[in-house]
Amino acid sequence: MPVRAHHSHGNYDITKWTTMEGTVTELHLLVPHSWIYLEVKDDKGQPTTWALEATGPGGLQRVGIKREDVRPGDAVKVRCHLLRDGSNGCLLGYVTPNHGDRARGHGVEKDWDGGGGAGGPAVVPR
């Protein structure tokens, strides 16, 4: 008899959202989770790499995300839940592409967690 299981998102603080902007360096649409690697400038202007976890390709497809919506080299703005340990990673909720191509959804916020939010109340830090 097959068994299905899934880990919790307890390693993320899902009670708060944060936002950041950067350039997509890698995109991996995998099962069970997709990953976007994002280059973001830190407070000193130095590039840092962030790993953003998202739902798998099936979940992305169900909410209307297409493979061509976000590509390596694209500038994006993201909203996500940070890792509790403070490392450069987060649970991705939303991506707004800024690549200038209207056909690919430029400037349209895309729900990348596959369910209208990663859970918990959305609190955007100021």
N, C-alpha and C. Protein backbone atom coordinates (compact mmCIF):
# COMPACT_ATOMS: atom_id res chain seq x y z
N MET A 1 0.84 -1.17 0.00
CA MET A 1 0.00 0.00 0.00
C MET A 1 0.89 1.24 0.00
N PRO A 2 0.73 2.15 -0.99
CA PRO A 2 1.54 3.35 -1.03
C PRO A 2 1.23 4.28 0.14
N VAL A 3 2.25 4.97 0.59
CA VAL A 3 2.10 5.92 1.69
C VAL A 3 2.51 7.29 1.18
N ARG A 4 1.70 8.29 1.47
CA ARG A 4 2.04 9.66 1.11
C ARG A 4 2.34 10.43 2.39
N ALA A 5 3.39 11.23 2.33
CA ALA A 5 3.76 12.04 3.49
C ALA A 5 4.36 13.35 2.99
N HIS A 6 4.35 14.32 3.84
CA HIS A 6 4.94 15.60 3.50
C HIS A 6 5.43 16.25 4.77
N HIS A 7 6.56 16.95 4.67
CA HIS A 7 7.12 17.63 5.83
C HIS A 7 6.33 18.89 6.14
N SER A 8 6.54 19.42 7.33
CA SER A 8 5.88 20.67 7.69
C SER A 8 6.72 21.84 7.18
N HIS A 9 6.17 23.01 7.28
CA HIS A 9 6.91 24.23 6.97
C HIS A 9 7.35 24.92 8.26
N GLY A 10 7.57 24.12 9.30
CA GLY A 10 7.95 24.65 10.60
C GLY A 10 9.27 25.38 10.63
N ASN A 11 10.12 25.14 9.62
CA ASN A 11 11.41 25.84 9.58
C ASN A 11 11.27 27.28 9.07
N TYR A 12 10.06 27.63 8.60
CA TYR A 12 9.79 29.00 8.14
C TYR A 12 8.88 29.70 9.14
N ASP A 13 9.03 31.02 9.26
CA ASP A 13 8.12 31.81 10.09
C ASP A 13 6.94 32.21 9.21
N ILE A 14 5.89 31.38 9.21
CA ILE A 14 4.77 31.63 8.31
C ILE A 14 3.76 32.64 8.87
N THR A 15 4.09 33.28 9.98
CA THR A 15 3.20 34.32 10.51
C THR A 15 3.55 35.69 9.93
N LYS A 16 4.67 35.79 9.20
CA LYS A 16 5.12 37.08 8.67
C LYS A 16 5.58 36.93 7.23
N TRP A 17 5.29 37.96 6.43
CA TRP A 17 5.81 38.06 5.06
C TRP A 17 6.99 39.01 5.05
N THR A 18 7.91 38.81 4.13
CA THR A 18 8.93 39.80 3.83
C THR A 18 8.96 39.96 2.32
N THR A 19 9.47 41.06 1.85
CA THR A 19 9.59 41.28 0.40
C THR A 19 11.04 41.53 0.06
N MET A 20 11.42 41.17 -1.16
CA MET A 20 12.76 41.47 -1.67
C MET A 20 12.71 41.50 -3.19
N GLU A 21 13.70 42.17 -3.76
CA GLU A 21 13.83 42.24 -5.21
C GLU A 21 15.19 41.74 -5.60
N GLY A 22 15.26 41.08 -6.75
CA GLY A 22 16.54 40.58 -7.22
C GLY A 22 16.42 40.02 -8.62
N THR A 23 17.47 39.30 -9.02
CA THR A 23 17.54 38.69 -10.35
C THR A 23 17.56 37.18 -10.20
N VAL A 24 16.72 36.51 -10.97
CA VAL A 24 16.67 35.04 -10.95
C VAL A 24 17.96 34.51 -11.57
N THR A 25 18.68 33.68 -10.81
CA THR A 25 19.90 33.06 -11.35
C THR A 25 19.65 31.62 -11.78
N GLU A 26 18.73 30.94 -11.09
CA GLU A 26 18.37 29.56 -11.45
C GLU A 26 16.89 29.36 -11.15
N LEU A 27 16.27 28.47 -11.93
CA LEU A 27 14.89 28.07 -11.71
C LEU A 27 14.81 26.57 -11.90
N HIS A 28 14.34 25.85 -10.88
CA HIS A 28 14.22 24.40 -10.93
C HIS A 28 12.77 24.03 -10.64
N LEU A 29 12.04 23.60 -11.66
CA LEU A 29 10.65 23.16 -11.49
C LEU A 29 10.68 21.66 -11.25
N LEU A 30 10.64 21.27 -9.98
CA LEU A 30 10.82 19.89 -9.56
C LEU A 30 9.66 19.42 -8.69
N VAL A 31 9.52 18.11 -8.58
CA VAL A 31 8.57 17.49 -7.66
C VAL A 31 9.38 17.01 -6.46
N PRO A 32 9.01 17.29 -5.24
CA PRO A 32 7.75 17.91 -4.82
C PRO A 32 7.82 19.43 -4.71
N HIS A 33 9.04 20.03 -4.81
CA HIS A 33 9.16 21.48 -4.64
C HIS A 33 9.97 22.09 -5.76
N SER A 34 9.53 23.24 -6.21
CA SER A 34 10.29 24.03 -7.17
C SER A 34 11.17 25.00 -6.38
N TRP A 35 12.24 25.44 -7.01
CA TRP A 35 13.18 26.35 -6.36
C TRP A 35 13.54 27.48 -7.31
N ILE A 36 13.55 28.70 -6.77
CA ILE A 36 14.09 29.85 -7.48
C ILE A 36 15.31 30.30 -6.68
N TYR A 37 16.41 30.49 -7.37
CA TYR A 37 17.60 31.07 -6.74
C TYR A 37 17.68 32.51 -7.21
N LEU A 38 17.77 33.40 -6.25
CA LEU A 38 17.65 34.83 -6.50
C LEU A 38 18.90 35.54 -6.00
N GLU A 39 19.49 36.39 -6.85
CA GLU A 39 20.60 37.23 -6.42
C GLU A 39 20.02 38.55 -5.94
N VAL A 40 20.30 38.86 -4.67
CA VAL A 40 19.77 40.05 -4.01
C VAL A 40 20.95 40.83 -3.44
N LYS A 41 20.92 42.15 -3.55
CA LYS A 41 21.98 42.98 -2.96
C LYS A 41 21.73 43.13 -1.46
N ASP A 42 22.79 42.93 -0.66
CA ASP A 42 22.65 43.11 0.78
C ASP A 42 22.76 44.59 1.14
N ASP A 43 22.78 44.89 2.44
CA ASP A 43 22.83 46.28 2.91
C ASP A 43 24.06 47.03 2.43
N LYS A 44 25.14 46.29 2.12
CA LYS A 44 26.38 46.91 1.66
C LYS A 44 26.50 46.91 0.14
N GLY A 45 25.43 46.47 -0.54
CA GLY A 45 25.44 46.44 -1.99
C GLY A 45 26.10 45.22 -2.59
N GLN A 46 26.46 44.26 -1.74
CA GLN A 46 27.10 43.03 -2.21
C GLN A 46 26.04 42.01 -2.61
N PRO A 47 26.29 41.25 -3.70
CA PRO A 47 25.32 40.24 -4.11
C PRO A 47 25.28 39.06 -3.14
N THR A 48 24.07 38.62 -2.81
CA THR A 48 23.87 37.43 -1.98
C THR A 48 22.88 36.53 -2.71
N THR A 49 23.01 35.23 -2.51
CA THR A 49 22.11 34.29 -3.16
C THR A 49 21.08 33.80 -2.16
N TRP A 50 19.83 33.81 -2.56
CA TRP A 50 18.72 33.33 -1.75
C TRP A 50 18.09 32.13 -2.43
N ALA A 51 17.73 31.11 -1.65
CA ALA A 51 17.02 29.93 -2.15
C ALA A 51 15.56 30.06 -1.74
N LEU A 52 14.66 30.09 -2.71
CA LEU A 52 13.23 30.27 -2.46
C LEU A 52 12.49 28.99 -2.84
N GLU A 53 11.84 28.38 -1.86
CA GLU A 53 11.11 27.13 -2.05
C GLU A 53 9.67 27.43 -2.45
N ALA A 54 9.19 26.70 -3.46
CA ALA A 54 7.81 26.86 -3.93
C ALA A 54 7.17 25.49 -4.09
N THR A 55 5.89 25.48 -4.41
CA THR A 55 5.20 24.23 -4.68
C THR A 55 5.74 23.61 -5.98
N GLY A 56 5.41 22.37 -6.23
CA GLY A 56 5.88 21.67 -7.42
C GLY A 56 5.21 22.17 -8.70
N PRO A 57 5.66 21.66 -9.85
CA PRO A 57 5.13 22.11 -11.13
C PRO A 57 3.62 21.94 -11.27
N GLY A 58 3.05 20.87 -10.73
CA GLY A 58 1.60 20.66 -10.82
C GLY A 58 0.83 21.73 -10.09
N GLY A 59 1.27 22.09 -8.89
CA GLY A 59 0.63 23.16 -8.13
C GLY A 59 0.76 24.50 -8.82
N LEU A 60 1.93 24.75 -9.41
CA LEU A 60 2.13 26.00 -10.14
C LEU A 60 1.20 26.07 -11.35
N GLN A 61 1.08 24.96 -12.06
CA GLN A 61 0.21 24.93 -13.23
C GLN A 61 -1.25 25.17 -12.84
N ARG A 62 -1.67 24.61 -11.70
CA ARG A 62 -3.06 24.78 -11.26
C ARG A 62 -3.41 26.24 -10.96
N VAL A 63 -2.43 27.04 -10.57
CA VAL A 63 -2.70 28.46 -10.29
C VAL A 63 -2.31 29.35 -11.47
N GLY A 64 -2.03 28.73 -12.61
CA GLY A 64 -1.81 29.50 -13.83
C GLY A 64 -0.38 29.90 -14.11
N ILE A 65 0.59 29.35 -13.36
CA ILE A 65 1.99 29.67 -13.61
C ILE A 65 2.47 28.81 -14.77
N LYS A 66 3.10 29.45 -15.75
CA LYS A 66 3.68 28.74 -16.88
C LYS A 66 5.20 28.79 -16.78
N ARG A 67 5.86 27.80 -17.35
CA ARG A 67 7.32 27.71 -17.30
C ARG A 67 7.98 29.01 -17.77
N GLU A 68 7.38 29.67 -18.76
CA GLU A 68 8.00 30.87 -19.32
C GLU A 68 7.70 32.14 -18.53
N ASP A 69 6.88 32.08 -17.48
CA ASP A 69 6.55 33.28 -16.71
C ASP A 69 7.76 33.90 -16.02
N VAL A 70 8.65 33.07 -15.53
CA VAL A 70 9.86 33.54 -14.86
C VAL A 70 11.02 32.71 -15.38
N ARG A 71 12.08 33.41 -15.79
CA ARG A 71 13.26 32.74 -16.35
C ARG A 71 14.52 33.29 -15.70
N PRO A 72 15.61 32.52 -15.72
CA PRO A 72 16.89 33.06 -15.26
C PRO A 72 17.22 34.35 -16.01
N GLY A 73 17.70 35.33 -15.26
CA GLY A 73 18.00 36.65 -15.81
C GLY A 73 16.90 37.66 -15.58
N ASP A 74 15.70 37.20 -15.23
CA ASP A 74 14.57 38.11 -14.99
C ASP A 74 14.72 38.83 -13.65
N ALA A 75 14.37 40.11 -13.64
CA ALA A 75 14.26 40.86 -12.39
C ALA A 75 12.87 40.57 -11.82
N VAL A 76 12.80 40.28 -10.52
CA VAL A 76 11.52 39.96 -9.88
C VAL A 76 11.45 40.60 -8.50
N LYS A 77 10.23 40.76 -8.04
CA LYS A 77 9.95 41.12 -6.65
C LYS A 77 9.23 39.93 -6.06
N VAL A 78 9.61 39.52 -4.85
CA VAL A 78 8.98 38.36 -4.22
C VAL A 78 8.47 38.71 -2.83
N ARG A 79 7.44 37.97 -2.40
CA ARG A 79 6.98 37.98 -1.01
C ARG A 79 7.13 36.56 -0.52
N CYS A 80 7.74 36.41 0.65
CA CYS A 80 7.99 35.06 1.14
C CYS A 80 8.13 35.07 2.67
N HIS A 81 8.14 33.85 3.22
CA HIS A 81 8.31 33.63 4.65
C HIS A 81 9.76 33.20 4.89
N LEU A 82 10.49 33.95 5.71
CA LEU A 82 11.91 33.67 5.96
C LEU A 82 12.12 32.41 6.78
N LEU A 83 13.30 31.81 6.60
CA LEU A 83 13.70 30.71 7.46
C LEU A 83 13.90 31.21 8.88
N ARG A 84 13.51 30.42 9.84
CA ARG A 84 13.64 30.81 11.25
C ARG A 84 15.09 30.95 11.70
N ASP A 85 16.00 30.19 11.05
CA ASP A 85 17.40 30.22 11.48
C ASP A 85 18.18 31.41 10.93
N GLY A 86 17.54 32.25 10.11
CA GLY A 86 18.18 33.46 9.60
C GLY A 86 19.03 33.26 8.35
N SER A 87 19.11 32.04 7.84
CA SER A 87 19.89 31.83 6.62
C SER A 87 19.12 32.34 5.40
N ASN A 88 19.80 32.45 4.27
CA ASN A 88 19.24 33.05 3.06
C ASN A 88 18.31 32.09 2.33
N GLY A 89 17.13 31.91 2.87
CA GLY A 89 16.13 31.06 2.24
C GLY A 89 14.76 31.46 2.71
N CYS A 90 13.75 31.14 1.90
CA CYS A 90 12.39 31.43 2.31
C CYS A 90 11.39 30.57 1.56
N LEU A 91 10.20 30.50 2.11
CA LEU A 91 9.07 29.81 1.50
C LEU A 91 8.35 30.84 0.64
N LEU A 92 8.38 30.62 -0.66
CA LEU A 92 7.89 31.60 -1.62
C LEU A 92 6.37 31.63 -1.64
N GLY A 93 5.82 32.81 -1.56
CA GLY A 93 4.39 33.00 -1.69
C GLY A 93 4.04 33.59 -3.04
N TYR A 94 4.62 34.74 -3.36
CA TYR A 94 4.24 35.47 -4.57
C TYR A 94 5.47 36.02 -5.28
N VAL A 95 5.40 36.03 -6.62
CA VAL A 95 6.46 36.60 -7.46
C VAL A 95 5.81 37.60 -8.40
N THR A 96 6.42 38.77 -8.52
CA THR A 96 6.00 39.75 -9.52
C THR A 96 7.15 39.95 -10.49
N PRO A 97 7.03 39.42 -11.72
CA PRO A 97 8.10 39.57 -12.70
C PRO A 97 8.19 41.01 -13.19
N ASN A 98 9.41 41.47 -13.43
CA ASN A 98 9.65 42.83 -13.94
C ASN A 98 10.50 42.77 -15.20
N HIS A 99 10.25 41.78 -16.06
CA HIS A 99 11.09 41.56 -17.24
C HIS A 99 10.65 42.36 -18.46
N GLY A 100 9.52 43.03 -18.41
CA GLY A 100 9.09 43.90 -19.50
C GLY A 100 8.31 43.22 -20.60
N ASP A 101 8.06 41.92 -20.50
CA ASP A 101 7.35 41.18 -21.54
C ASP A 101 5.91 40.94 -21.10
N ARG A 102 4.97 41.71 -21.65
CA ARG A 102 3.56 41.59 -21.25
C ARG A 102 3.02 40.19 -21.49
N ALA A 103 3.46 39.54 -22.55
CA ALA A 103 2.98 38.19 -22.86
C ALA A 103 3.38 37.19 -21.79
N ARG A 104 4.46 37.47 -21.07
CA ARG A 104 4.93 36.59 -20.01
C ARG A 104 4.44 37.06 -18.64
N GLY A 105 3.52 38.00 -18.59
CA GLY A 105 2.95 38.41 -17.32
C GLY A 105 3.75 39.46 -16.59
N HIS A 106 4.41 40.35 -17.30
CA HIS A 106 5.19 41.42 -16.68
C HIS A 106 4.33 42.22 -15.71
N GLY A 107 4.83 42.40 -14.49
CA GLY A 107 4.14 43.22 -13.50
C GLY A 107 2.92 42.58 -12.87
N VAL A 108 2.65 41.31 -13.17
CA VAL A 108 1.49 40.62 -12.63
C VAL A 108 1.94 39.71 -11.49
N GLU A 109 1.39 39.93 -10.31
CA GLU A 109 1.75 39.09 -9.16
C GLU A 109 1.28 37.66 -9.40
N LYS A 110 2.18 36.71 -9.20
CA LYS A 110 1.88 35.29 -9.41
C LYS A 110 1.97 34.56 -8.08
N ASP A 111 0.97 33.73 -7.80
CA ASP A 111 0.89 32.94 -6.56
C ASP A 111 1.68 31.65 -6.75
N TRP A 112 2.87 31.55 -6.13
CA TRP A 112 3.76 30.41 -6.33
C TRP A 112 3.65 29.37 -5.23
N ASP A 113 2.78 29.54 -4.26
CA ASP A 113 2.68 28.48 -3.26
C ASP A 113 1.55 27.52 -3.59
N GLY A 114 0.79 27.81 -4.63
CA GLY A 114 -0.23 26.90 -5.11
C GLY A 114 -1.52 26.90 -4.33
N GLY A 115 -1.66 27.80 -3.36
CA GLY A 115 -2.87 27.75 -2.56
C GLY A 115 -3.32 29.07 -1.99
N GLY A 116 -2.93 30.17 -2.60
CA GLY A 116 -3.43 31.46 -2.14
C GLY A 116 -2.74 31.98 -0.90
N GLY A 117 -1.55 31.53 -0.63
CA GLY A 117 -0.80 31.96 0.55
C GLY A 117 -0.24 30.76 1.25
N ALA A 118 0.90 30.93 1.88
CA ALA A 118 1.59 29.80 2.48
C ALA A 118 1.05 29.42 3.84
N GLY A 119 0.01 30.07 4.27
CA GLY A 119 -0.57 29.72 5.56
C GLY A 119 -0.28 30.77 6.60
N GLY A 120 -1.10 30.83 7.59
CA GLY A 120 -0.90 31.81 8.64
C GLY A 120 -1.31 33.20 8.19
N PRO A 121 -1.46 34.10 9.11
CA PRO A 121 -1.83 35.46 8.75
C PRO A 121 -0.70 36.15 8.02
N ALA A 122 -1.02 36.92 7.02
CA ALA A 122 0.00 37.64 6.26
C ALA A 122 0.30 38.95 6.97
N VAL A 123 1.50 39.08 7.48
CA VAL A 123 1.95 40.29 8.15
C VAL A 123 3.15 40.79 7.39
N VAL A 124 3.03 41.93 6.74
CA VAL A 124 4.13 42.47 5.96
C VAL A 124 4.95 43.38 6.86
N PRO A 125 6.24 43.02 7.11
CA PRO A 125 7.09 43.87 7.94
C PRO A 125 7.31 45.23 7.28
N ARG A 126 7.44 46.26 8.09
CA ARG A 126 7.70 47.61 7.54
C ARG A 126 9.12 48.02 7.81
